[in-house]
Amino acid sequence: MFDVIRLIFRPEVLVFLIPITAIIGGFYITALKIKVRQNPSISDDEKRVIATVIHENQEIKERLSNLESIITSMDKEILMLKSADDAQINQQRVKELSEKMKPSNS
């Protein structure tokens, strides 16, 4: 279960899921608007639901946009951390190799 969650919430996957979610939400809102135009006898409750969905969709789009900027900035930070870690690992390997290559004094 956690493996699936880790696979889905990787930055390279989220970059594609965010626009897809926004597109699907947009299609849903468009479908609701078409339904309203075709059926003018919609009840007040249905109109409130549609207004709520439109408002929630706008909020979700804003959240997704914020998440996208966080993910893209995280990606840069992760890359910088990885390069720093790689440099430390390489430095340790060089030190170990130089120790192995030193002639023994025995």
N, C-alpha and C. Protein backbone atom coordinates (compact mmCIF):
# COMPACT_ATOMS: atom_id res chain seq x y z
N MET A 1 0.82 -1.19 0.00
CA MET A 1 0.00 0.00 0.00
C MET A 1 0.87 1.26 0.00
N PHE A 2 1.86 1.28 0.91
CA PHE A 2 2.72 2.45 1.00
C PHE A 2 3.61 2.58 -0.23
N ASP A 3 3.93 1.43 -0.86
CA ASP A 3 4.73 1.49 -2.09
C ASP A 3 3.97 2.21 -3.19
N VAL A 4 2.66 1.94 -3.27
CA VAL A 4 1.83 2.59 -4.29
C VAL A 4 1.78 4.09 -4.02
N ILE A 5 1.62 4.46 -2.75
CA ILE A 5 1.56 5.88 -2.40
C ILE A 5 2.88 6.55 -2.73
N ARG A 6 4.00 5.88 -2.42
CA ARG A 6 5.30 6.47 -2.74
C ARG A 6 5.49 6.62 -4.25
N LEU A 7 4.99 5.66 -5.01
CA LEU A 7 5.11 5.76 -6.47
C LEU A 7 4.28 6.91 -7.02
N ILE A 8 3.10 7.11 -6.47
CA ILE A 8 2.21 8.15 -6.98
C ILE A 8 2.70 9.55 -6.60
N PHE A 9 3.20 9.71 -5.40
CA PHE A 9 3.55 11.04 -4.91
C PHE A 9 5.01 11.41 -5.15
N ARG A 10 5.63 10.81 -6.14
CA ARG A 10 6.97 11.23 -6.54
C ARG A 10 6.83 12.49 -7.38
N PRO A 11 7.79 13.41 -7.29
CA PRO A 11 7.67 14.68 -8.02
C PRO A 11 7.45 14.51 -9.52
N GLU A 12 8.16 13.55 -10.13
CA GLU A 12 8.00 13.39 -11.58
C GLU A 12 6.63 12.88 -11.97
N VAL A 13 5.92 12.21 -11.06
CA VAL A 13 4.56 11.75 -11.34
C VAL A 13 3.57 12.88 -11.06
N LEU A 14 3.76 13.60 -9.96
CA LEU A 14 2.84 14.68 -9.60
C LEU A 14 2.82 15.79 -10.64
N VAL A 15 3.94 16.00 -11.28
CA VAL A 15 3.99 17.05 -12.31
C VAL A 15 2.98 16.76 -13.41
N PHE A 16 2.72 15.49 -13.69
CA PHE A 16 1.74 15.14 -14.71
C PHE A 16 0.33 15.00 -14.13
N LEU A 17 0.22 14.55 -12.88
CA LEU A 17 -1.10 14.37 -12.29
C LEU A 17 -1.81 15.69 -12.02
N ILE A 18 -1.07 16.71 -11.69
CA ILE A 18 -1.66 18.00 -11.37
C ILE A 18 -2.42 18.57 -12.57
N PRO A 19 -1.81 18.68 -13.75
CA PRO A 19 -2.58 19.20 -14.90
C PRO A 19 -3.74 18.28 -15.30
N ILE A 20 -3.54 16.97 -15.18
CA ILE A 20 -4.62 16.04 -15.55
C ILE A 20 -5.82 16.25 -14.63
N THR A 21 -5.58 16.42 -13.34
CA THR A 21 -6.66 16.67 -12.39
C THR A 21 -7.38 17.97 -12.72
N ALA A 22 -6.63 19.00 -13.04
CA ALA A 22 -7.25 20.28 -13.39
C ALA A 22 -8.09 20.16 -14.67
N ILE A 23 -7.61 19.42 -15.64
CA ILE A 23 -8.35 19.23 -16.90
C ILE A 23 -9.65 18.48 -16.64
N ILE A 24 -9.58 17.40 -15.85
CA ILE A 24 -10.78 16.63 -15.55
C ILE A 24 -11.80 17.48 -14.79
N GLY A 25 -11.32 18.27 -13.82
CA GLY A 25 -12.21 19.16 -13.09
C GLY A 25 -12.86 20.18 -14.01
N GLY A 26 -12.09 20.70 -14.96
CA GLY A 26 -12.63 21.65 -15.93
C GLY A 26 -13.72 21.04 -16.79
N PHE A 27 -13.50 19.79 -17.22
CA PHE A 27 -14.53 19.10 -18.02
C PHE A 27 -15.80 18.89 -17.20
N TYR A 28 -15.63 18.56 -15.94
CA TYR A 28 -16.79 18.34 -15.07
C TYR A 28 -17.60 19.63 -14.92
N ILE A 29 -16.91 20.73 -14.70
CA ILE A 29 -17.60 22.02 -14.56
C ILE A 29 -18.31 22.38 -15.86
N THR A 30 -17.64 22.17 -16.99
CA THR A 30 -18.25 22.46 -18.29
C THR A 30 -19.51 21.62 -18.49
N ALA A 31 -19.44 20.34 -18.10
CA ALA A 31 -20.61 19.46 -18.23
C ALA A 31 -21.76 19.96 -17.36
N LEU A 32 -21.45 20.42 -16.16
CA LEU A 32 -22.51 20.96 -15.30
C LEU A 32 -23.12 22.23 -15.90
N LYS A 33 -22.29 23.08 -16.47
CA LYS A 33 -22.82 24.31 -17.08
C LYS A 33 -23.71 23.98 -18.27
N ILE A 34 -23.32 23.00 -19.06
CA ILE A 34 -24.16 22.59 -20.21
C ILE A 34 -25.49 22.03 -19.71
N LYS A 35 -25.44 21.26 -18.64
CA LYS A 35 -26.67 20.70 -18.07
C LYS A 35 -27.61 21.81 -17.62
N VAL A 36 -27.05 22.84 -17.02
CA VAL A 36 -27.87 23.97 -16.56
C VAL A 36 -28.51 24.67 -17.75
N ARG A 37 -27.75 24.88 -18.81
CA ARG A 37 -28.29 25.57 -19.99
C ARG A 37 -29.39 24.76 -20.67
N GLN A 38 -29.21 23.43 -20.72
CA GLN A 38 -30.17 22.58 -21.41
C GLN A 38 -31.44 22.36 -20.59
N ASN A 39 -31.32 22.45 -19.29
CA ASN A 39 -32.47 22.19 -18.42
C ASN A 39 -32.67 23.38 -17.49
N PRO A 40 -33.40 24.40 -17.95
CA PRO A 40 -33.58 25.59 -17.12
C PRO A 40 -34.44 25.37 -15.89
N SER A 41 -35.07 24.20 -15.78
CA SER A 41 -35.94 23.94 -14.63
C SER A 41 -35.19 23.27 -13.48
N ILE A 42 -33.93 23.61 -13.33
CA ILE A 42 -33.14 23.04 -12.24
C ILE A 42 -33.57 23.69 -10.93
N SER A 43 -33.64 22.86 -9.91
CA SER A 43 -34.09 23.37 -8.60
C SER A 43 -33.02 24.26 -7.97
N ASP A 44 -33.44 24.99 -6.95
CA ASP A 44 -32.51 25.87 -6.24
C ASP A 44 -31.41 25.07 -5.56
N ASP A 45 -31.76 23.89 -5.04
CA ASP A 45 -30.75 23.04 -4.41
C ASP A 45 -29.66 22.64 -5.41
N GLU A 46 -30.09 22.26 -6.61
CA GLU A 46 -29.12 21.88 -7.63
C GLU A 46 -28.25 23.06 -8.04
N LYS A 47 -28.85 24.25 -8.11
CA LYS A 47 -28.07 25.45 -8.43
C LYS A 47 -27.03 25.72 -7.35
N ARG A 48 -27.42 25.52 -6.10
CA ARG A 48 -26.45 25.72 -4.99
C ARG A 48 -25.32 24.70 -5.08
N VAL A 49 -25.67 23.46 -5.42
CA VAL A 49 -24.65 22.41 -5.55
C VAL A 49 -23.68 22.78 -6.66
N ILE A 50 -24.21 23.22 -7.78
CA ILE A 50 -23.37 23.61 -8.92
C ILE A 50 -22.46 24.78 -8.54
N ALA A 51 -23.01 25.77 -7.86
CA ALA A 51 -22.20 26.92 -7.43
C ALA A 51 -21.11 26.47 -6.47
N THR A 52 -21.45 25.55 -5.58
CA THR A 52 -20.46 25.02 -4.63
C THR A 52 -19.36 24.27 -5.37
N VAL A 53 -19.74 23.45 -6.33
CA VAL A 53 -18.75 22.68 -7.09
C VAL A 53 -17.83 23.61 -7.87
N ILE A 54 -18.39 24.64 -8.47
CA ILE A 54 -17.57 25.60 -9.22
C ILE A 54 -16.58 26.29 -8.29
N HIS A 55 -17.05 26.69 -7.11
CA HIS A 55 -16.18 27.35 -6.13
C HIS A 55 -15.08 26.39 -5.65
N GLU A 56 -15.47 25.14 -5.33
CA GLU A 56 -14.48 24.16 -4.89
C GLU A 56 -13.47 23.85 -5.98
N ASN A 57 -13.93 23.80 -7.22
CA ASN A 57 -13.03 23.53 -8.34
C ASN A 57 -11.98 24.64 -8.45
N GLN A 58 -12.40 25.87 -8.29
CA GLN A 58 -11.46 26.99 -8.35
C GLN A 58 -10.44 26.89 -7.23
N GLU A 59 -10.90 26.53 -6.03
CA GLU A 59 -9.98 26.37 -4.90
C GLU A 59 -8.99 25.25 -5.16
N ILE A 60 -9.48 24.15 -5.73
CA ILE A 60 -8.60 23.01 -6.03
C ILE A 60 -7.56 23.40 -7.07
N LYS A 61 -7.97 24.16 -8.08
CA LYS A 61 -7.01 24.62 -9.09
C LYS A 61 -5.92 25.46 -8.45
N GLU A 62 -6.30 26.33 -7.51
CA GLU A 62 -5.30 27.16 -6.83
C GLU A 62 -4.36 26.30 -5.99
N ARG A 63 -4.93 25.32 -5.28
CA ARG A 63 -4.11 24.42 -4.47
C ARG A 63 -3.16 23.62 -5.34
N LEU A 64 -3.66 23.14 -6.47
CA LEU A 64 -2.81 22.36 -7.37
C LEU A 64 -1.68 23.22 -7.94
N SER A 65 -1.98 24.45 -8.23
CA SER A 65 -0.95 25.35 -8.72
C SER A 65 0.12 25.56 -7.65
N ASN A 66 -0.31 25.76 -6.40
CA ASN A 66 0.65 25.90 -5.31
C ASN A 66 1.47 24.63 -5.12
N LEU A 67 0.80 23.49 -5.19
CA LEU A 67 1.49 22.22 -5.05
C LEU A 67 2.51 22.02 -6.16
N GLU A 68 2.14 22.40 -7.37
CA GLU A 68 3.06 22.28 -8.50
C GLU A 68 4.32 23.12 -8.27
N SER A 69 4.14 24.35 -7.75
CA SER A 69 5.34 25.18 -7.50
C SER A 69 6.18 24.60 -6.37
N ILE A 70 5.52 24.03 -5.37
CA ILE A 70 6.28 23.40 -4.27
C ILE A 70 7.06 22.21 -4.80
N ILE A 71 6.41 21.38 -5.60
CA ILE A 71 7.07 20.17 -6.12
C ILE A 71 8.24 20.55 -7.01
N THR A 72 8.07 21.52 -7.87
CA THR A 72 9.17 21.89 -8.77
C THR A 72 10.32 22.49 -7.99
N SER A 73 10.05 23.27 -6.95
CA SER A 73 11.15 23.82 -6.15
C SER A 73 11.79 22.72 -5.32
N MET A 74 10.97 21.77 -4.84
CA MET A 74 11.52 20.63 -4.08
C MET A 74 12.47 19.83 -4.95
N ASP A 75 12.07 19.65 -6.20
CA ASP A 75 12.89 18.87 -7.12
C ASP A 75 14.28 19.48 -7.23
N LYS A 76 14.36 20.80 -7.36
CA LYS A 76 15.65 21.48 -7.44
C LYS A 76 16.44 21.29 -6.16
N GLU A 77 15.75 21.42 -5.01
CA GLU A 77 16.42 21.25 -3.73
C GLU A 77 16.93 19.82 -3.56
N ILE A 78 16.13 18.85 -3.96
CA ILE A 78 16.54 17.46 -3.86
C ILE A 78 17.75 17.20 -4.73
N LEU A 79 17.73 17.75 -5.94
CA LEU A 79 18.88 17.58 -6.83
C LEU A 79 20.14 18.17 -6.22
N MET A 80 20.01 19.35 -5.59
CA MET A 80 21.18 19.96 -4.96
C MET A 80 21.66 19.12 -3.79
N LEU A 81 20.73 18.59 -2.99
CA LEU A 81 21.12 17.74 -1.87
C LEU A 81 21.79 16.46 -2.36
N LYS A 82 21.25 15.90 -3.43
CA LYS A 82 21.82 14.67 -3.98
C LYS A 82 23.23 14.92 -4.49
N SER A 83 23.44 16.05 -5.16
CA SER A 83 24.78 16.33 -5.65
C SER A 83 25.76 16.53 -4.50
N ALA A 84 25.29 17.14 -3.40
CA ALA A 84 26.15 17.31 -2.22
C ALA A 84 26.45 15.95 -1.60
N ASP A 85 25.43 15.08 -1.53
CA ASP A 85 25.64 13.74 -0.99
C ASP A 85 26.61 12.96 -1.87
N ASP A 86 26.43 13.07 -3.19
CA ASP A 86 27.33 12.39 -4.13
C ASP A 86 28.77 12.86 -3.96
N ALA A 87 28.95 14.16 -3.75
CA ALA A 87 30.30 14.70 -3.56
C ALA A 87 30.92 14.12 -2.30
N GLN A 88 30.13 14.02 -1.24
CA GLN A 88 30.65 13.45 0.01
C GLN A 88 30.99 11.98 -0.16
N ILE A 89 30.13 11.25 -0.84
CA ILE A 89 30.38 9.82 -1.09
C ILE A 89 31.64 9.65 -1.92
N ASN A 90 31.77 10.46 -2.97
CA ASN A 90 32.98 10.36 -3.82
C ASN A 90 34.23 10.72 -3.04
N GLN A 91 34.14 11.73 -2.21
CA GLN A 91 35.29 12.11 -1.39
C GLN A 91 35.68 10.96 -0.46
N GLN A 92 34.70 10.30 0.13
CA GLN A 92 34.98 9.16 1.01
C GLN A 92 35.61 8.02 0.21
N ARG A 93 35.12 7.75 -0.97
CA ARG A 93 35.69 6.68 -1.81
C ARG A 93 37.14 6.98 -2.18
N VAL A 94 37.42 8.23 -2.53
CA VAL A 94 38.80 8.61 -2.87
C VAL A 94 39.71 8.40 -1.67
N LYS A 95 39.23 8.77 -0.50
CA LYS A 95 40.03 8.60 0.72
C LYS A 95 40.29 7.12 0.98
N GLU A 96 39.26 6.29 0.82
CA GLU A 96 39.42 4.84 1.04
C GLU A 96 40.40 4.25 0.03
N LEU A 97 40.29 4.65 -1.23
CA LEU A 97 41.20 4.14 -2.26
C LEU A 97 42.64 4.58 -2.00
N SER A 98 42.80 5.82 -1.57
CA SER A 98 44.16 6.28 -1.30
C SER A 98 44.75 5.53 -0.11
N GLU A 99 43.93 5.18 0.86
CA GLU A 99 44.41 4.38 2.00
C GLU A 99 44.81 2.98 1.53
N LYS A 100 44.04 2.41 0.63
CA LYS A 100 44.36 1.07 0.12
C LYS A 100 45.62 1.07 -0.71
N MET A 101 45.88 2.17 -1.41
CA MET A 101 47.02 2.24 -2.32
C MET A 101 48.33 2.57 -1.59
N LYS A 102 48.26 3.05 -0.38
CA LYS A 102 49.48 3.36 0.36
C LYS A 102 50.24 2.08 0.64
N PRO A 103 51.55 2.14 0.47
CA PRO A 103 52.33 0.93 0.78
C PRO A 103 52.35 0.70 2.30
N SER A 104 52.26 -0.57 2.64
CA SER A 104 52.28 -0.87 4.08
C SER A 104 53.70 -0.76 4.60
N ASN A 105 53.87 -0.32 5.84
CA ASN A 105 55.18 -0.10 6.44
C ASN A 105 55.70 -1.30 7.18
N SER A 106 55.13 -2.46 6.99
CA SER A 106 55.59 -3.63 7.73
C SER A 106 56.73 -4.36 7.12
